[in-house]
Amino acid sequence: VTSSVWRKRFLRTFDFDNSLETAEMLKKYKYRRTVSKQWTCFDLDKYGGGSSSYEVQEFQTVNQEHSLRMFRGLIIDSNASMVPDENGQLVPHGLNLKFIQDMITGNNGMSYVDIIESVFCTKYDKDIGRNLNNVMRLDKQGCALYNVQLCLSALSLHPNYCNAKVSHFDISQHQVYSAPCTQPLFLDNLKQSVNTRWLLHIVNFFKFHFKSGAEGLLAHAYSVLDADQYPQFWVGKLQAGTQTFGTHWKGAYMYLDQRTLMSSRSKNTSRGTVHTDSLDGGETFQDMSFFFDDAQYGTDKWPKQWERILGSDPFKELGNLRTRYRRNQPERPAIKQFWGTSRGSKQGHFFGRIHAMAPQADIPGFQRLVMMKFYTKKENGEQVYDPTQVWAYEGVVLPGRRIVVGRWWDARGDIDDERINSGPFIWWNVDRSGAAKPIDKDEAFDFLDSFQDHDLGVV
């Protein structure tokens, strides 16, 4: 077989990469084809004791390592574009993404891989129910698995895929309501290392509420969303560095009342205990619009009170280090600011920052996001500032800039207090706003000019 034939086979199956020589294309093509035909199982326990023999485990350990390497390569090399589907609606489509979809469904002659439906059921999760307050610090392979699973969240959450029963919802629920001091989102002072398994608990938690029929609080509302309002894959190549993202987003939030929250965080909480999640005002999904414009909202317009609450620039102390210590630190990323407005059971306005993070398990494109959100209340027919509804947010923008996962907390509380009110959120980028009333770019600034709160730096 000539090199030109191999090149054509590669280009029929995988996204084009103009940096690849034909020899490298051949190598990647053969490797991915070989790995995709092997039986790879991440949840061996579902097959009973016979499949958990030492020989099978050793065999599957090798297959799992190759499978993770393949998925990671497909994610990093993905270069999808927007194309019309059978209904004429523009959707992300790429050969790498199609290959991944075929792997997790077993379609088109692929050997099914349970990398998504095995979430929290792998050999890396044997300790998952032993000590619910442990912070997971991963070895290289465990980190690779969780990061691949995170990057495939759009597939996991989409109603057309991955609809098996959600595993370990009770543990995920406990984790997502953990106090920030117990389960920090980042594991280092510079906010470059993600608490990956904790983030995956948030995705698992919302997947249950989105896709678990009568049990999921948002399942009905999720099932009747328009097709273009569901989570979607990214387009183009994953990029490192601080980057803006799209304008239109949907968001979901949950909370526990204070008594239930304290019960969930109690050291006496046992595995299997499930608490009653709540929706704020019966709200299902928020519609949000984000805006970036350095000329209108530059980094000089950032109150020190917000910085005290959010710690948006973890690199600011590097300037005080001696030169020899600074050499060993990552390069300081650029910081971009954004603002916007949300529509839901209540109206909210927000102001935030993002900065780039180091690659996680060699996958680029992770970013850290923080923001302040101010809700309004209705007085005399007008939307006015509600000082009891001010919330802080910290999250991770997943590679591709189409999903953000993280934690909200009481902006007036002490983040190091185990009793602080906090909970999970997930947002996803959509191509069309779902807001009934269009969101104007200046709404948030008009709101900020309408009140003063010296404690929060609004003057």
Protein backbone atom coordinates (compact mmCIF):
# COMPACT_ATOMS: atom_id res chain seq x y z
CA VAL A 1 0.00 0.00 0.00
CA THR A 2 1.48 3.33 -1.04
CA SER A 3 1.86 6.32 1.27
CA SER A 4 -0.76 8.27 -0.70
CA VAL A 5 -3.32 5.51 -0.03
CA TRP A 6 -2.61 5.65 3.71
CA ARG A 7 -2.94 9.42 3.59
CA LYS A 8 -6.35 9.14 1.92
CA ARG A 9 -7.48 6.58 4.50
CA PHE A 10 -6.42 8.89 7.32
CA LEU A 11 -8.23 11.88 5.82
CA ARG A 12 -11.43 9.82 5.38
CA THR A 13 -11.36 8.82 9.05
CA PHE A 14 -9.73 11.59 11.08
CA ASP A 15 -9.52 15.37 11.08
CA PHE A 16 -6.81 16.85 8.87
CA ASP A 17 -3.70 18.14 10.60
CA ASN A 18 -1.39 20.01 8.24
CA SER A 19 1.50 19.63 10.69
CA LEU A 20 1.58 15.85 10.13
CA GLU A 21 3.87 14.18 7.64
CA THR A 22 2.46 11.17 5.81
CA ALA A 23 4.56 8.80 7.94
CA GLU A 24 3.04 10.25 11.12
CA MET A 25 -0.45 9.97 9.63
CA LEU A 26 0.21 6.30 8.90
CA LYS A 27 1.41 5.71 12.44
CA LYS A 28 -1.63 7.41 14.01
CA TYR A 29 -4.06 5.71 11.64
CA LYS A 30 -2.77 2.22 12.36
CA TYR A 31 -2.59 2.84 16.11
CA ARG A 32 -6.12 4.23 16.41
CA ARG A 33 -7.57 1.53 14.19
CA THR A 34 -5.85 -1.21 16.19
CA VAL A 35 -6.89 0.17 19.58
CA SER A 36 -10.48 0.80 18.47
CA LYS A 37 -10.94 -2.89 17.60
CA GLN A 38 -9.82 -4.16 21.00
CA TRP A 39 -12.22 -4.97 23.82
CA THR A 40 -11.55 -2.34 26.45
CA CYS A 41 -13.54 -2.27 29.68
CA PHE A 42 -13.08 0.24 32.49
CA ASP A 43 -15.78 -1.26 34.74
CA LEU A 44 -14.86 -4.92 35.07
CA ASP A 45 -17.00 -5.45 38.17
CA LYS A 46 -20.18 -5.40 36.12
CA TYR A 47 -19.14 -8.73 34.59
CA GLY A 48 -18.74 -10.47 37.95
CA GLY A 49 -15.82 -12.29 39.49
CA GLY A 50 -14.79 -14.22 36.39
CA SER A 51 -13.84 -11.06 34.54
CA SER A 52 -11.95 -9.73 37.52
CA SER A 53 -9.29 -12.43 37.48
CA TYR A 54 -5.68 -11.33 37.65
CA GLU A 55 -5.11 -12.21 33.99
CA VAL A 56 -8.11 -10.21 32.79
CA GLN A 57 -7.17 -7.24 34.95
CA GLU A 58 -3.62 -7.23 33.59
CA PHE A 59 -4.91 -7.53 30.04
CA GLN A 60 -7.40 -4.71 30.55
CA THR A 61 -4.83 -2.47 32.24
CA VAL A 62 -2.84 -2.48 29.00
CA ASN A 63 -5.95 -1.93 26.87
CA GLN A 64 -7.13 0.90 29.13
CA GLU A 65 -3.80 2.70 28.84
CA HIS A 66 -3.92 2.47 25.05
CA SER A 67 -7.56 3.54 24.98
CA LEU A 68 -6.86 6.61 27.12
CA ARG A 69 -3.92 7.52 24.91
CA MET A 70 -6.13 7.18 21.83
CA PHE A 71 -9.02 9.24 23.27
CA ARG A 72 -6.66 11.93 24.47
CA GLY A 73 -5.05 12.15 21.03
CA LEU A 74 -8.44 12.33 19.31
CA ILE A 75 -9.51 15.14 21.66
CA ILE A 76 -6.31 17.15 21.21
CA ASP A 77 -6.29 16.69 17.41
CA SER A 78 -10.03 17.32 16.98
CA ASN A 79 -10.82 20.07 14.46
CA ALA A 80 -14.58 20.11 13.99
CA SER A 81 -16.61 22.72 12.13
CA MET A 82 -20.26 23.74 12.04
CA VAL A 83 -22.23 21.86 9.37
CA PRO A 84 -25.98 21.45 8.71
CA ASP A 85 -27.61 18.30 10.12
CA GLU A 86 -30.53 16.45 8.50
CA ASN A 87 -32.89 19.20 9.71
CA GLY A 88 -30.74 22.00 8.38
CA GLN A 89 -29.56 23.02 11.85
CA LEU A 90 -25.88 23.88 12.22
CA VAL A 91 -24.11 21.48 14.58
CA PRO A 92 -20.45 20.72 15.37
CA HIS A 93 -19.16 17.92 13.17
CA GLY A 94 -15.70 16.47 12.83
CA LEU A 95 -14.21 13.11 11.97
CA ASN A 96 -12.43 12.78 15.32
CA LEU A 97 -15.65 13.53 17.21
CA LYS A 98 -17.51 11.01 15.02
CA PHE A 99 -14.85 8.40 15.80
CA ILE A 100 -15.28 9.09 19.53
CA GLN A 101 -19.07 8.82 19.26
CA ASP A 102 -18.76 5.50 17.47
CA MET A 103 -16.44 4.21 20.19
CA ILE A 104 -18.76 5.07 23.06
CA THR A 105 -21.82 3.69 21.23
CA GLY A 106 -20.24 0.70 19.50
CA ASN A 107 -21.63 1.89 16.16
CA ASN A 108 -20.16 1.50 12.67
CA GLY A 109 -18.13 -1.59 13.47
CA MET A 110 -16.37 -0.13 16.50
CA SER A 111 -15.73 -2.06 19.69
CA TYR A 112 -17.80 -0.36 22.43
CA VAL A 113 -15.76 1.35 25.16
CA ASP A 114 -17.49 2.16 28.46
CA ILE A 115 -15.29 5.17 29.25
CA ILE A 116 -18.32 7.39 29.95
CA GLU A 117 -20.76 4.89 31.43
CA SER A 118 -18.05 3.63 33.80
CA VAL A 119 -17.74 7.01 35.56
CA PHE A 120 -16.86 6.31 39.24
CA CYS A 121 -16.90 2.54 38.60
CA THR A 122 -13.26 2.05 37.55
CA LYS A 123 -10.26 0.70 39.40
CA TYR A 124 -9.40 4.29 40.34
CA ASP A 125 -12.68 4.59 42.25
CA LYS A 126 -12.34 1.72 44.71
CA ASP A 127 -11.96 4.23 47.55
CA ILE A 128 -14.86 6.41 46.48
CA GLY A 129 -17.14 5.57 49.40
CA ARG A 130 -14.61 5.00 52.17
CA ASN A 131 -13.85 8.53 53.28
CA LEU A 132 -16.19 11.03 51.68
CA ASN A 133 -14.03 13.98 52.73
CA ASN A 134 -10.78 12.81 51.13
CA VAL A 135 -9.33 15.10 48.48
CA MET A 136 -8.32 12.95 45.53
CA ARG A 137 -4.74 13.47 44.41
CA LEU A 138 -4.34 11.42 41.30
CA ASP A 139 -1.61 9.37 39.78
CA LYS A 140 -0.91 9.93 36.11
CA GLN A 141 -3.31 7.29 34.76
CA GLY A 142 -6.19 8.22 37.05
CA CYS A 143 -5.73 11.86 36.12
CA ALA A 144 -5.78 10.97 32.43
CA LEU A 145 -9.04 9.02 32.79
CA TYR A 146 -10.93 11.72 34.69
CA ASN A 147 -9.77 14.47 32.34
CA VAL A 148 -10.85 12.51 29.28
CA GLN A 149 -14.23 11.86 30.92
CA LEU A 150 -14.56 15.58 31.69
CA CYS A 151 -13.72 16.54 28.11
CA LEU A 152 -16.48 14.21 26.89
CA SER A 153 -19.12 15.83 29.14
CA ALA A 154 -21.08 17.18 26.16
CA LEU A 155 -21.55 13.61 24.96
CA SER A 156 -22.33 12.32 28.45
CA LEU A 157 -25.03 14.97 29.00
CA HIS A 158 -26.62 14.87 25.55
CA PRO A 159 -30.01 13.09 25.54
CA ASN A 160 -29.08 11.01 22.48
CA TYR A 161 -26.11 9.31 24.15
CA CYS A 162 -24.93 7.65 27.35
CA ASN A 163 -28.32 7.06 28.94
CA ALA A 164 -27.42 4.20 31.25
CA LYS A 165 -28.26 4.61 34.94
CA VAL A 166 -26.08 7.19 36.68
CA SER A 167 -23.78 5.52 39.21
CA HIS A 168 -23.06 6.74 42.75
CA PHE A 169 -25.41 9.71 42.74
CA ASP A 170 -25.44 9.65 46.55
CA ILE A 171 -21.67 10.17 46.67
CA SER A 172 -21.73 12.82 43.95
CA GLN A 173 -24.45 14.69 45.83
CA HIS A 174 -22.38 14.67 49.02
CA GLN A 175 -19.31 15.87 47.14
CA VAL A 176 -20.88 18.76 45.24
CA TYR A 177 -22.16 20.31 48.48
CA SER A 178 -18.82 19.89 50.28
CA ALA A 179 -17.47 23.08 51.80
CA PRO A 180 -14.73 24.78 49.74
CA CYS A 181 -12.27 24.24 52.59
CA THR A 182 -13.00 20.49 52.45
CA GLN A 183 -13.01 19.98 48.69
CA PRO A 184 -11.15 22.89 47.04
CA LEU A 185 -11.63 23.28 43.31
CA PHE A 186 -7.90 23.76 42.81
CA LEU A 187 -5.10 21.89 44.55
CA ASP A 188 -2.29 24.45 44.42
CA ASN A 189 -1.77 28.11 45.28
CA LEU A 190 -1.48 29.20 41.65
CA LYS A 191 -4.78 27.50 40.74
CA GLN A 192 -3.17 25.40 38.01
CA SER A 193 -4.03 21.90 39.24
CA VAL A 194 -7.71 20.92 39.15
CA ASN A 195 -9.50 18.72 41.67
CA THR A 196 -10.58 16.69 38.66
CA ARG A 197 -12.63 13.98 40.32
CA TRP A 198 -14.60 16.59 42.28
CA LEU A 199 -15.45 18.38 39.01
CA LEU A 200 -16.57 15.08 37.55
CA HIS A 201 -18.89 14.63 40.54
CA ILE A 202 -20.64 17.86 39.50
CA VAL A 203 -21.15 16.57 35.95
CA ASN A 204 -22.41 13.24 37.34
CA PHE A 205 -24.75 15.05 39.75
CA PHE A 206 -26.36 17.14 37.03
CA LYS A 207 -26.48 14.20 34.62
CA PHE A 208 -28.70 12.45 37.18
CA HIS A 209 -31.00 15.45 37.46
CA PHE A 210 -31.08 15.93 33.66
CA LYS A 211 -31.55 12.33 32.53
CA SER A 212 -33.05 10.24 35.34
CA GLY A 213 -36.73 10.41 34.43
CA ALA A 214 -39.06 10.97 37.38
CA GLU A 215 -36.15 11.13 39.85
CA GLY A 216 -34.25 14.00 38.25
CA LEU A 217 -35.50 17.44 39.27
CA LEU A 218 -34.73 18.86 35.84
CA ALA A 219 -35.38 15.76 33.73
CA HIS A 220 -38.70 16.86 32.23
CA ALA A 221 -37.55 20.41 31.50
CA TYR A 222 -34.34 19.02 29.99
CA SER A 223 -36.17 16.53 27.80
CA VAL A 224 -38.27 19.24 26.13
CA LEU A 225 -35.46 21.69 25.37
CA ASP A 226 -35.08 22.66 21.73
CA ALA A 227 -32.40 20.63 19.99
CA ASP A 228 -30.02 23.61 19.83
CA GLN A 229 -30.23 24.19 23.60
CA TYR A 230 -28.32 21.05 24.65
CA PRO A 231 -24.59 20.84 25.45
CA GLN A 232 -22.46 20.53 22.32
CA PHE A 233 -18.88 19.70 21.41
CA TRP A 234 -16.38 22.39 20.57
CA VAL A 235 -15.37 23.53 17.10
CA GLY A 236 -11.83 24.07 15.88
CA LYS A 237 -8.66 23.01 17.66
CA LEU A 238 -8.15 23.18 21.40
CA GLN A 239 -5.98 26.17 22.24
CA ALA A 240 -3.81 27.06 25.21
CA GLY A 241 -3.81 30.55 26.72
CA THR A 242 -6.51 32.86 28.02
CA GLN A 243 -9.42 32.97 25.58
CA THR A 244 -12.88 34.48 25.42
CA PHE A 245 -15.90 32.28 24.80
CA GLY A 246 -19.32 32.49 23.15
CA THR A 247 -22.13 34.86 24.14
CA HIS A 248 -25.19 32.68 24.78
CA TRP A 249 -25.32 30.14 27.62
CA LYS A 250 -27.68 27.98 29.61
CA GLY A 251 -27.11 27.29 33.30
CA ALA A 252 -28.36 25.00 36.06
CA TYR A 253 -27.93 25.33 39.82
CA MET A 254 -28.98 23.39 42.91
CA TYR A 255 -28.95 24.08 46.63
CA LEU A 256 -29.76 22.46 49.97
CA ASP A 257 -31.52 24.31 52.78
CA GLN A 258 -29.09 25.14 55.58
CA ARG A 259 -30.16 22.34 57.92
CA THR A 260 -29.91 19.73 55.18
CA LEU A 261 -26.60 21.18 54.02
CA MET A 262 -25.11 20.74 57.49
CA SER A 263 -26.45 17.19 57.61
CA SER A 264 -24.83 16.45 54.25
CA ARG A 265 -21.49 17.77 55.51
CA SER A 266 -21.65 15.93 58.81
CA LYS A 267 -18.86 13.44 59.45
CA ASN A 268 -21.61 11.01 60.46
CA THR A 269 -23.12 11.02 56.98
CA SER A 270 -23.09 7.46 55.70
CA ARG A 271 -22.83 6.20 52.17
CA GLY A 272 -26.24 5.77 50.57
CA THR A 273 -27.79 8.81 52.23
CA VAL A 274 -29.57 11.01 49.68
CA HIS A 275 -30.77 14.50 50.55
CA THR A 276 -33.48 16.54 48.86
CA ASP A 277 -32.02 18.99 46.35
CA SER A 278 -33.84 22.26 45.72
CA LEU A 279 -34.32 24.63 42.80
CA ASP A 280 -34.34 28.35 43.53
CA GLY A 281 -37.91 29.52 43.03
CA GLY A 282 -38.65 26.38 41.04
CA GLU A 283 -36.25 27.60 38.37
CA THR A 284 -35.18 25.07 35.76
CA PHE A 285 -32.55 26.70 33.54
CA GLN A 286 -31.14 30.20 33.36
CA ASP A 287 -30.39 31.90 30.07
CA MET A 288 -27.23 33.99 30.22
CA SER A 289 -25.31 36.31 27.94
CA PHE A 290 -21.58 36.97 28.43
CA PHE A 291 -19.70 39.93 26.96
CA PHE A 292 -15.98 40.67 26.54
CA ASP A 293 -14.70 44.14 25.64
CA ASP A 294 -11.44 45.42 27.11
CA ALA A 295 -12.24 48.98 26.07
CA GLN A 296 -15.55 48.96 27.92
CA TYR A 297 -14.54 46.83 30.89
CA GLY A 298 -10.79 46.60 31.44
CA THR A 299 -8.87 45.04 34.30
CA ASP A 300 -8.55 48.43 36.02
CA LYS A 301 -12.28 48.25 36.85
CA TRP A 302 -12.09 45.52 39.46
CA PRO A 303 -12.89 46.41 43.10
CA LYS A 304 -10.44 45.18 45.71
CA GLN A 305 -13.39 43.75 47.66
CA TRP A 306 -14.19 41.45 44.74
CA GLU A 307 -10.56 40.40 44.55
CA ARG A 308 -10.56 39.59 48.27
CA ILE A 309 -13.58 37.32 47.79
CA LEU A 310 -12.57 35.69 44.49
CA GLY A 311 -8.77 35.71 44.33
CA SER A 312 -8.92 36.20 40.58
CA ASP A 313 -5.16 36.67 40.17
CA PRO A 314 -3.29 33.89 42.00
CA PHE A 315 -0.05 34.98 40.31
CA LYS A 316 0.10 38.44 41.88
CA GLU A 317 2.38 37.26 44.70
CA LEU A 318 4.99 35.95 42.26
CA GLY A 319 6.42 39.43 41.93
CA ASN A 320 7.53 39.25 45.55
CA LEU A 321 9.52 36.05 45.03
CA ARG A 322 13.23 36.02 44.41
CA THR A 323 14.24 35.52 40.80
CA ARG A 324 15.55 31.98 41.34
CA TYR A 325 12.17 30.90 42.75
CA ARG A 326 10.21 32.61 39.97
CA ARG A 327 12.12 30.58 37.37
CA ASN A 328 10.43 27.42 38.62
CA GLN A 329 6.92 28.87 38.41
CA PRO A 330 4.59 28.75 35.38
CA GLU A 331 4.34 31.85 33.22
CA ARG A 332 1.75 34.34 34.42
CA PRO A 333 -1.31 34.08 32.16
CA ALA A 334 -3.26 37.01 30.79
CA ILE A 335 -6.48 37.90 32.60
CA LYS A 336 -9.64 38.81 30.69
CA GLN A 337 -12.75 40.36 32.19
CA PHE A 338 -16.37 39.76 31.24
CA TRP A 339 -19.81 40.85 32.31
CA GLY A 340 -23.36 39.85 31.57
CA THR A 341 -26.96 39.24 32.57
CA SER A 342 -29.04 36.15 33.34
CA ARG A 343 -32.76 35.50 33.01
CA GLY A 344 -34.55 32.93 35.15
CA SER A 345 -36.91 32.90 38.11
CA LYS A 346 -34.95 36.00 39.11
CA GLN A 347 -32.85 38.42 37.11
CA GLY A 348 -29.13 38.58 37.77
CA HIS A 349 -26.10 40.55 36.62
CA PHE A 350 -22.52 39.36 36.86
CA PHE A 351 -18.93 40.52 36.51
CA GLY A 352 -15.98 38.17 36.31
CA ARG A 353 -12.53 37.19 35.15
CA ILE A 354 -10.88 34.23 33.44
CA HIS A 355 -7.28 33.15 33.05
CA ALA A 356 -5.55 30.24 31.38
CA MET A 357 -4.42 27.14 33.22
CA ALA A 358 -1.72 24.60 32.57
CA PRO A 359 -2.71 21.56 30.47
CA GLN A 360 -4.37 18.86 32.54
CA ALA A 361 -3.11 15.37 31.66
CA ASP A 362 -1.50 16.97 28.57
CA ILE A 363 -4.85 18.33 27.32
CA PRO A 364 -4.72 22.10 26.67
CA GLY A 365 -7.54 24.61 26.93
CA PHE A 366 -8.53 24.57 30.60
CA GLN A 367 -9.28 28.00 32.09
CA ARG A 368 -10.22 29.24 35.55
CA LEU A 369 -13.28 31.47 35.88
CA VAL A 370 -14.41 33.58 38.86
CA MET A 371 -17.27 36.04 39.11
CA MET A 372 -19.59 38.06 41.33
CA LYS A 373 -23.32 37.74 40.69
CA PHE A 374 -25.97 40.16 41.95
CA TYR A 375 -29.65 39.22 41.84
CA THR A 376 -32.50 41.71 41.79
CA LYS A 377 -35.90 41.80 43.46
CA LYS A 378 -39.06 43.51 42.31
CA GLU A 379 -40.13 46.70 44.11
CA ASN A 380 -42.91 48.94 42.81
CA GLY A 381 -42.70 47.18 39.47
CA GLU A 382 -38.96 47.79 39.14
CA GLN A 383 -36.00 45.38 39.35
CA VAL A 384 -33.77 46.64 42.19
CA TYR A 385 -30.65 45.37 43.95
CA ASP A 386 -31.23 42.64 46.55
CA PRO A 387 -28.36 42.78 49.09
CA THR A 388 -29.29 39.33 50.43
CA GLN A 389 -28.67 37.73 47.03
CA VAL A 390 -25.00 38.25 46.20
CA TRP A 391 -23.05 35.16 45.20
CA ALA A 392 -19.48 34.31 44.29
CA TYR A 393 -18.55 31.73 41.65
CA GLU A 394 -15.44 29.75 40.81
CA GLY A 395 -15.33 27.27 37.97
CA VAL A 396 -13.32 25.59 35.26
CA VAL A 397 -13.91 26.34 31.60
CA LEU A 398 -13.43 22.93 30.00
CA PRO A 399 -11.33 22.61 26.82
CA GLY A 400 -13.29 23.90 23.86
CA ARG A 401 -14.89 26.73 25.89
CA ARG A 402 -18.42 25.31 25.70
CA ILE A 403 -18.94 23.97 29.25
CA VAL A 404 -18.15 25.52 32.63
CA VAL A 405 -18.39 23.50 35.85
CA GLY A 406 -17.87 24.74 39.38
CA ARG A 407 -19.15 26.03 42.71
CA TRP A 408 -21.16 29.04 43.92
CA TRP A 409 -21.03 30.34 47.49
CA ASP A 410 -22.31 33.16 49.67
CA ALA A 411 -20.16 36.16 48.73
CA ARG A 412 -20.62 37.67 52.20
CA GLY A 413 -19.52 34.50 53.97
CA ASP A 414 -16.11 33.18 54.96
CA ILE A 415 -14.99 30.69 52.33
CA ASP A 416 -12.89 28.86 54.95
CA ASP A 417 -15.94 28.31 57.18
CA GLU A 418 -17.27 24.74 56.99
CA ARG A 419 -20.81 26.12 57.41
CA ILE A 420 -20.74 28.43 54.38
CA ASN A 421 -23.68 28.15 52.00
CA SER A 422 -22.42 26.72 48.70
CA GLY A 423 -23.39 24.37 45.93
CA PRO A 424 -22.76 23.27 42.33
CA PHE A 425 -23.41 24.85 38.96
CA ILE A 426 -22.99 23.88 35.33
CA TRP A 427 -23.26 26.12 32.27
CA TRP A 428 -23.10 25.25 28.60
CA ASN A 429 -22.72 27.39 25.51
CA VAL A 430 -25.57 27.46 22.97
CA ASP A 431 -25.65 29.08 19.54
CA ARG A 432 -28.98 30.83 20.10
CA SER A 433 -30.17 32.59 23.24
CA GLY A 434 -33.13 30.95 24.93
CA ALA A 435 -34.07 34.14 26.81
CA ALA A 436 -37.68 35.20 26.20
CA LYS A 437 -36.62 38.85 26.53
CA PRO A 438 -33.38 39.67 24.67
CA ILE A 439 -30.42 40.55 26.89
CA ASP A 440 -28.82 43.91 26.20
CA LYS A 441 -25.08 44.40 26.52
CA ASP A 442 -25.47 47.43 28.82
CA GLU A 443 -27.99 45.98 31.29
CA ALA A 444 -25.37 44.88 33.82
CA PHE A 445 -23.63 48.27 33.88
CA ASP A 446 -26.94 50.12 34.17
CA PHE A 447 -27.73 47.91 37.15
CA LEU A 448 -24.32 48.53 38.74
CA ASP A 449 -24.91 52.28 38.48
CA SER A 450 -28.27 51.97 40.25
CA PHE A 451 -27.06 51.20 43.79
CA GLN A 452 -24.20 51.42 46.28
CA ASP A 453 -22.81 48.73 48.56
CA HIS A 454 -19.54 49.84 50.14
CA ASP A 455 -18.90 46.41 51.68
CA LEU A 456 -18.74 44.95 48.18
CA GLY A 457 -16.91 47.81 46.52
CA VAL A 458 -19.91 49.13 44.59
CA VAL A 459 -19.83 52.91 45.01
